[in-house]
Protein backbone atom coordinates (compact mmCIF):
# COMPACT_ATOMS: atom_id res chain seq x y z
CA MET A 1 56.16 -37.69 90.02
CA ARG A 2 59.66 -38.91 88.47
CA ARG A 3 59.47 -35.63 85.53
CA ASN A 4 59.69 -33.66 88.79
CA LEU A 5 62.38 -34.46 90.83
CA CYS A 6 64.35 -34.56 87.08
CA LYS A 7 63.42 -31.05 86.50
CA VAL A 8 64.73 -30.45 90.84
CA LEU A 9 68.22 -32.18 89.77
CA VAL A 10 68.51 -29.88 86.65
CA CYS A 11 68.09 -27.02 88.36
CA LEU A 12 70.53 -28.14 91.50
CA ALA A 13 73.29 -28.77 88.80
CA LEU A 14 72.91 -25.46 87.24
CA VAL A 15 73.11 -23.26 89.90
CA LEU A 16 76.14 -25.53 91.08
CA ALA A 17 77.58 -25.24 87.74
CA THR A 18 77.34 -21.56 87.80
CA PHE A 19 79.15 -20.82 91.30
CA THR A 20 82.07 -23.08 90.62
CA ALA A 21 82.38 -21.61 87.03
CA ALA A 22 82.42 -18.63 87.41
CA PRO A 23 85.31 -18.11 89.46
CA ALA A 24 87.49 -20.62 87.48
CA ARG A 25 86.82 -18.43 84.49
CA ASP A 26 88.64 -15.57 85.81
CA HIS A 27 90.64 -14.71 89.39
CA THR A 28 90.19 -11.36 89.38
CA PHE A 29 87.36 -10.79 92.29
CA ILE A 30 88.07 -9.52 95.14
CA ARG A 31 88.58 -10.97 99.05
CA VAL A 32 85.79 -8.82 100.98
CA ASN A 33 86.13 -8.52 105.11
CA ILE A 34 82.61 -7.55 106.00
CA ASP A 35 82.51 -5.16 109.27
CA PRO A 36 80.66 -7.36 111.91
CA GLN A 37 77.74 -4.86 112.39
CA GLN A 38 77.24 -4.88 108.73
CA GLU A 39 77.21 -9.22 108.52
CA SER A 40 73.40 -9.72 109.71
CA PHE A 41 72.65 -7.54 106.50
CA PHE A 42 74.83 -9.03 103.91
CA LYS A 43 73.13 -12.55 105.47
CA ALA A 44 69.37 -10.74 104.96
CA GLN A 45 70.48 -10.42 101.40
CA GLU A 46 71.91 -14.31 101.06
CA PRO A 47 68.17 -15.62 99.63
CA LEU A 48 67.77 -12.42 97.59
CA ARG A 49 71.38 -12.84 95.67
CA VAL A 50 70.73 -17.35 95.44
CA ALA A 51 67.10 -16.89 93.68
CA GLN A 52 68.34 -14.00 90.88
CA ASN A 53 71.39 -16.21 90.58
CA VAL A 54 69.28 -18.72 89.53
CA SER A 55 66.42 -17.12 87.43
CA SER A 56 69.57 -15.94 85.82
CA SER A 57 70.95 -19.25 85.32
CA LEU A 58 67.60 -20.35 83.78
CA LEU A 59 67.63 -17.45 81.16
CA PRO A 60 71.19 -17.76 79.83
CA SER A 61 70.30 -15.20 76.86
CA LEU A 62 70.15 -12.69 79.52
CA VAL A 63 72.95 -13.09 81.45
CA ASP A 64 76.78 -12.15 80.64
CA PRO A 65 78.74 -15.14 79.89
CA ASP A 66 81.79 -14.04 81.03
CA PRO A 67 81.03 -11.56 84.02
CA LYS A 68 83.25 -8.81 84.99
CA PHE A 69 84.05 -8.33 88.62
CA GLU A 70 83.64 -4.42 89.42
CA PRO A 71 85.66 -3.21 92.18
CA ALA A 72 84.32 -2.40 95.50
CA SER A 73 82.50 1.15 95.76
CA ALA A 74 84.25 4.77 97.19
CA ARG A 75 83.77 3.46 100.60
CA VAL A 76 85.64 1.33 101.78
CA PRO A 77 85.20 -0.84 104.74
CA ARG A 78 86.66 -0.93 107.58
CA LEU A 79 90.06 -3.56 107.91
CA SER A 80 90.40 -5.99 110.77
CA ARG A 81 93.64 -6.44 112.65
CA SER A 82 94.56 -9.54 110.09
CA ARG A 83 96.24 -8.44 106.71
CA ALA A 84 94.21 -7.61 104.14
CA HIS A 85 94.34 -7.29 100.60
CA TYR A 86 92.77 -4.70 98.39
CA SER A 87 92.26 -2.40 95.96
CA SER A 88 92.09 1.12 96.60
CA PRO A 89 89.46 3.46 95.10
CA ARG A 90 91.39 6.38 93.90
CA PRO A 91 94.66 6.32 92.96
CA ILE A 92 97.61 7.12 96.21
CA VAL A 93 99.16 10.52 95.34
CA LYS A 94 102.00 12.16 97.56
CA CYS A 95 102.12 15.46 98.74
CA LYS A 96 104.50 17.32 97.75
CA GLY A 97 105.19 21.12 99.07
CA PRO A 98 106.37 24.41 96.95
CA VAL A 99 109.91 24.09 95.95
CA CYS A 100 110.93 27.32 97.49
CA PRO A 101 108.78 28.67 100.37
CA VAL A 102 107.00 31.30 101.29
CA PRO A 103 108.01 34.22 102.24
CA VAL A 104 107.29 35.52 105.70
CA CYS A 105 106.11 38.98 105.80
CA ALA A 106 108.83 40.79 108.05
CA PRO A 107 108.19 43.22 110.49
CA PRO A 108 108.54 46.66 109.90
CA PRO A 109 111.37 48.44 110.69
CA PRO A 110 111.31 50.82 114.20
CA PRO A 111 110.46 53.90 113.60
CA CYS A 112 113.93 55.95 113.74
CA LYS A 113 114.07 57.93 116.77
CA LEU A 114 116.67 59.77 118.48
CA PRO A 115 117.58 59.25 122.03
CA ARG A 116 116.94 61.40 124.78
CA ARG A 117 118.14 63.22 127.97
CA MET A 118 115.84 62.81 130.46
CA CYS A 119 115.75 65.11 134.01
CA GLY A 120 117.73 64.22 136.49
CA GLN A 121 120.39 62.77 134.50
CA PHE A 122 124.28 63.47 133.59
CA GLU A 123 126.17 63.21 130.52
CA LEU A 124 130.36 62.75 130.60
CA ALA A 125 132.01 62.73 127.58
CA ALA A 126 136.10 62.65 126.58
CA GLN A 127 137.31 63.37 123.13
CA VAL A 128 140.64 62.78 121.23
CA PHE A 129 141.60 65.58 118.81
CA PHE A 130 144.04 64.46 115.92
CA ALA A 131 144.53 67.76 115.41
CA ARG A 132 146.53 70.32 112.43
CA THR A 133 148.78 73.04 114.69
CA LYS A 134 149.23 76.22 113.29
CA GLY A 135 149.87 79.42 115.13
CA THR A 136 151.61 83.35 114.98
CA VAL A 137 152.66 85.14 117.72
CA ARG A 138 153.97 89.14 117.54
CA TYR A 139 155.04 90.92 120.86
CA PRO A 140 154.88 93.87 120.74
CA ALA A 141 157.02 95.79 118.97
CA ALA A 142 155.94 99.11 117.79
CA VAL A 143 154.81 100.32 121.87
CA LEU A 144 158.47 99.83 122.70
CA GLY A 145 159.93 101.24 119.54
CA PHE A 146 161.12 97.75 117.91
CA PRO A 147 160.22 96.63 114.65
CA ALA A 148 157.09 94.11 114.74
CA THR A 149 158.17 89.96 114.39
CA GLU A 150 155.48 87.89 112.75
CA ILE A 151 156.82 84.34 114.30
CA ASP A 152 155.63 81.39 113.12
CA LEU A 153 155.32 78.83 115.26
CA ASN A 154 156.11 75.92 113.59
CA ASN A 155 158.24 77.00 110.83
CA ASP A 156 160.24 79.79 113.74
CA LEU A 157 160.16 77.75 117.12
CA GLY A 158 159.83 74.19 115.94
CA PHE A 159 156.33 72.84 116.82
CA PRO A 160 155.38 69.78 115.38
CA GLU A 161 152.00 70.43 112.75
CA HIS A 162 150.12 67.59 114.02
CA ALA A 163 148.84 66.46 118.17
CA THR A 164 146.94 64.74 119.78
CA VAL A 165 144.59 66.86 121.81
CA LEU A 166 142.10 65.79 124.24
CA GLU A 167 138.49 67.16 125.66
CA TYR A 168 136.74 66.43 128.77
CA SER A 169 132.60 67.22 128.56
CA ALA A 170 130.17 67.38 130.72
CA ARG A 171 126.39 67.92 130.63
CA TYR A 172 123.09 67.95 133.04
CA GLN A 173 119.89 67.73 132.28
CA PHE A 174 117.69 69.94 134.82
CA ARG A 175 114.88 70.29 132.41
CA PRO A 176 113.07 68.28 129.56
CA ASN A 177 114.92 71.78 127.19
CA TRP A 178 117.88 73.02 129.92
CA ALA A 179 120.94 71.71 130.61
CA PHE A 180 124.21 73.11 131.87
CA PHE A 181 127.09 72.69 129.98
CA TYR A 182 130.62 72.71 130.27
CA SER A 183 133.46 71.50 128.77
CA ILE A 184 138.19 71.57 128.89
CA MET A 185 140.77 71.21 126.31
CA PRO A 186 144.17 72.10 128.24
CA PHE A 187 147.06 72.16 125.29
CA ASP A 188 150.63 71.75 125.94
CA GLU A 189 153.22 71.49 123.84
CA ARG A 190 156.98 71.10 123.82
CA SER A 191 159.90 72.02 121.23
CA ASN A 192 163.63 72.72 120.53
CA LYS A 193 164.61 74.90 117.75
CA THR A 194 167.90 76.44 116.27
CA LEU A 195 166.50 79.92 115.00
CA GLU A 196 167.43 80.47 111.49
CA THR A 197 166.56 83.98 111.57
CA SER A 198 166.22 86.99 113.87
CA ILE A 199 163.36 87.82 115.35
CA TYR A 200 162.51 90.44 117.96
CA PHE A 201 160.62 88.93 120.58
CA GLY A 202 158.92 91.18 123.59
CA GLY A 203 161.65 93.58 123.39
CA GLN A 204 164.42 90.68 123.00
CA PHE A 205 166.29 90.37 120.27
CA ILE A 206 167.48 86.98 119.55
CA PRO A 207 170.20 86.21 116.79
CA THR A 208 169.95 83.76 113.57
CA GLY A 209 171.96 80.87 115.23
CA CYS A 210 170.72 80.94 118.48
CA PHE A 211 169.56 77.54 120.58
CA THR A 212 165.75 77.61 121.92
CA ALA A 213 163.76 75.69 124.41
CA ASN A 214 159.84 76.81 123.70
CA LYS A 215 156.84 76.01 125.28
CA TRP A 216 153.30 76.74 123.50
CA GLN A 217 150.27 75.86 126.50
CA PHE A 218 146.54 77.16 125.99
CA VAL A 219 143.23 76.31 128.41
CA TYR A 220 140.23 76.01 126.00
CA GLN A 221 137.29 76.45 128.88
CA ARG A 222 133.72 76.89 127.90
CA VAL A 223 131.07 77.13 130.74
CA GLY A 224 126.59 77.91 129.93
CA MET A 225 123.34 76.62 128.84
CA LEU A 226 121.54 74.67 126.65
CA TYR A 227 117.99 75.40 125.97
CA SER A 228 116.41 72.74 123.09
CA PRO A 229 113.14 75.22 121.68
CA ILE A 230 112.41 71.69 118.63
CA GLN A 231 112.62 68.23 119.64
CA THR A 232 110.80 66.04 117.62
CA CYS A 233 111.31 62.12 117.76
CA SER A 234 114.18 61.92 115.43
CA SER A 235 115.35 65.62 115.51
CA SER A 236 116.56 68.17 118.08
CA LEU A 237 117.78 71.71 117.41
CA SER A 238 119.12 73.40 120.33
CA ILE A 239 121.22 76.73 121.64
CA THR A 240 123.83 77.27 123.54
CA GLY A 241 125.34 80.12 124.96
CA GLY A 242 127.39 80.79 128.01
CA TRP A 243 131.38 82.05 128.44
CA LEU A 244 134.46 81.00 127.11
CA TYR A 245 138.41 81.11 128.72
CA ASN A 246 141.39 80.94 126.67
CA ASP A 247 144.72 81.44 128.35
CA SER A 248 146.94 81.42 125.89
CA ARG A 249 151.11 81.36 126.79
CA VAL A 250 154.33 81.05 124.92
CA SER A 251 158.03 81.31 126.15
CA MET A 252 161.26 81.13 124.29
CA ASN A 253 164.67 80.80 126.35
CA SER A 254 168.38 80.73 124.72
CA ALA A 255 170.81 79.32 127.49
CA VAL A 256 173.27 79.66 124.91
CA CYS A 257 173.25 83.31 123.34
CA GLY A 258 173.34 84.94 127.18
CA GLY A 259 169.79 83.31 128.71
CA VAL A 260 167.96 85.38 126.47
CA GLY A 261 164.22 84.92 126.10
CA ASN A 262 160.41 85.75 126.83
CA GLN A 263 157.55 85.16 127.21
CA VAL A 264 154.00 85.52 125.64
CA ASP A 265 150.70 85.68 128.02
CA ARG A 266 147.26 86.49 126.29
CA THR A 267 143.81 86.00 128.69
CA ARG A 268 140.56 86.14 126.53
CA ASN A 269 137.14 86.22 128.34
CA MET A 270 134.17 85.69 125.67
CA VAL A 271 130.78 85.23 125.11
CA VAL A 272 130.30 81.84 123.26
CA THR A 273 126.85 81.11 121.26
CA GLY A 274 125.89 78.45 119.28
CA VAL A 275 123.96 75.76 117.39
CA GLU A 276 123.24 72.03 117.93
CA LEU A 277 121.68 69.71 115.31
CA GLN A 278 120.82 66.15 116.17
CA LYS A 279 119.70 64.32 113.30
CA CYS A 280 118.21 60.28 113.52
CA ILE A 281 119.59 58.36 110.56
CA LYS A 282 118.54 55.01 111.42
CA THR A 283 117.25 52.97 114.65
CA MET A 284 117.84 49.76 114.84
CA CYS A 285 115.90 46.82 116.32
CA ASN A 286 117.44 46.88 119.56
CA GLN A 287 116.73 51.09 119.52
CA ALA A 288 120.85 51.19 118.84
CA THR A 289 120.09 54.47 116.71
CA LEU A 290 122.72 56.23 113.89
CA SER A 291 122.78 59.90 114.29
CA CYS A 292 124.23 63.95 112.53
CA ASP A 293 125.67 65.37 115.42
CA ASP A 294 126.84 68.52 114.45
CA GLN A 295 127.81 71.86 116.57
CA ILE A 296 128.78 75.54 115.72
CA SER A 297 130.06 77.81 118.30
CA LEU A 298 131.13 81.60 117.97
CA GLY A 299 133.19 83.27 120.07
CA TRP A 300 133.51 87.11 120.49
CA GLY A 301 134.53 90.04 122.70
CA ASP A 302 138.45 91.04 124.64
CA GLY A 303 139.78 91.81 120.74
CA SER A 304 139.11 88.36 119.80
CA PHE A 305 136.70 86.20 117.64
CA MET A 306 137.21 81.95 117.63
CA LEU A 307 135.22 79.62 115.26
CA ASP A 308 134.34 76.10 116.74
CA LEU A 309 132.46 73.75 114.28
CA GLN A 310 132.17 70.13 114.86
CA VAL A 311 130.72 67.38 111.94
CA GLY A 312 130.12 64.33 113.19
CA LEU A 313 127.83 61.11 113.46
CA ARG A 314 127.13 59.46 116.53
CA PHE A 315 126.39 55.89 117.69
CA THR A 316 124.08 55.25 120.58
CA VAL A 317 123.81 52.24 122.16
CA PRO A 318 121.01 51.37 125.20
CA MET A 319 122.76 49.94 128.25
CA ASN A 320 118.80 49.77 130.10
CA ALA A 321 118.15 51.58 133.11
CA GLY A 322 117.00 54.68 130.66
CA ARG A 323 121.34 54.97 130.33
CA TRP A 324 122.37 54.99 126.83
CA GLY A 325 126.29 54.95 125.70
CA TYR A 326 128.02 56.16 122.45
CA ALA A 327 130.53 57.02 120.38
CA LYS A 328 131.02 59.69 117.82
CA GLY A 329 133.46 61.23 115.19
CA GLY A 330 133.99 63.51 112.71
CA TYR A 331 135.64 67.03 111.81
CA ARG A 332 136.63 69.91 113.95
CA LEU A 333 137.78 73.17 113.59
CA LEU A 334 139.34 75.49 116.14
CA GLN A 335 140.29 79.03 115.44
CA PHE A 336 141.55 82.19 117.60
CA ASN A 337 141.74 84.89 115.63
CA GLU A 338 142.78 88.66 116.93
CA SER A 339 142.58 92.11 115.30
CA ARG A 340 145.41 93.93 118.02
CA ASP A 341 148.39 95.71 116.84
CA ASP A 342 150.61 95.49 120.01
CA LEU A 343 150.07 91.89 120.57
CA LYS A 344 148.71 88.76 118.62
CA LEU A 345 148.47 85.41 119.28
CA ASP A 346 146.85 83.49 116.73
CA PHE A 347 146.37 80.08 116.53
CA SER A 348 143.98 77.14 115.19
CA LEU A 349 143.50 72.96 115.19
CA GLU A 350 141.85 71.08 112.75
CA GLY A 351 141.57 66.95 111.84
CA GLY A 352 139.25 64.50 112.69
CA PHE A 353 138.16 63.32 115.79
CA VAL A 354 136.43 60.37 117.75
CA GLU A 355 134.94 60.97 121.09
CA ALA A 356 133.00 58.07 123.60
CA GLY A 357 130.42 59.14 125.92
CA LEU A 358 127.92 58.05 128.85
CA ILE A 359 124.03 59.32 130.05
CA PHE A 360 122.80 58.00 133.14
C-alpha cells in the first residue's frame, strides 16, 4: 500500500516539474485567445493532452529535452477587442502600384465631316480684299482721228497701287443640291496727279504739267444658281452659272488747264460660270471643321473676258440649332480684259483676303 502511494506521488511530482520547467527554459511561447465557440472543443481535448504529457514524462528517452513551440497555423483565430500579441503566419507586404500609370485608350477622333447647308437656310458673308490694283485705259483715239494714248491708272493718273475692297455675298439653299447666290463688290478710288506726259483722252488733249483730279469707280455684281452634283461627307463639288454685271468709270478733270477733262464709261453684261470645291481637312471634337474652299469663275461676252480665282481655308464652328459661323482666308485674283480697238479699260485686283460668314 505504501509502495503504491509513493508511485502516485512520484508521478504527480514529475507532472508538476514538466509544466513548470518548460516555460522557464523557453519563453518564446505565444498567447492564444481562443474563440468562445471553440472553447468547448479545447476543454474536451484537455484530458487527452494531460495524459500525453504524463506518458511523455514517463518515457524521457522519447521526449525532446528542449521542446520548441511552433507558430500558430495559417488559420488565425479571431481576436477580441482587447489588445493581443500574436505573430502573423505570413509576412505583410505593402502593395505598390506601377510607377507609370497604365495608359487609357483615347477615343478615336471624329470622322472628317463637312458642314452642310440645309434646305431653307441662308448664308451671309462679308469679305475684306487687300488688293494690289493695276489698270490701263485707252479712249478712243483712232475713231476721232486722234492718236491713241495708253494711260496707266497708277503711274499716269496717280491711283494708289494698294486698296482695301469690300465684297458682300448672300446664298439661299432652296433644294438639297440647288441654291441661289448673289454678290456685289463696289470700288471707288480718287487721286490727284500732275501729268508727266501729254495725253489724248476722249478727244481732249491734256498737256504735260497740268494738275488733274481723277476718279476710278466700278461695281462688280454676280447673280445666278449653284448646283452640287457631288456631295460626300468630306467633300463637295459645285457648278455655278449666272449673269455678271460690271459698270466701270474713269474720269479726269483739270481746272488749272481751262477745265479740260473727260470721262470713260464701260458697262459689261457677261455670262459667268464657275466651279467650287470644298474638301474637309480635320473635324474637331466639338464638330468645328477646317476645310479648303476654292473657287474659280470665268466670264465672257461683250468683247471682254473675266477671271475670278479664290484659294483659301475655311474654319467653321457650330452655333447650335443647325447654325454655323465661319472664318475664311486666302488669295484672290480678279481680272477684266478687253479685246477692242476703240475703247479699252482693263484692270486687275490681286492679293490676300479674309472673310466672315453666318449660315442660319
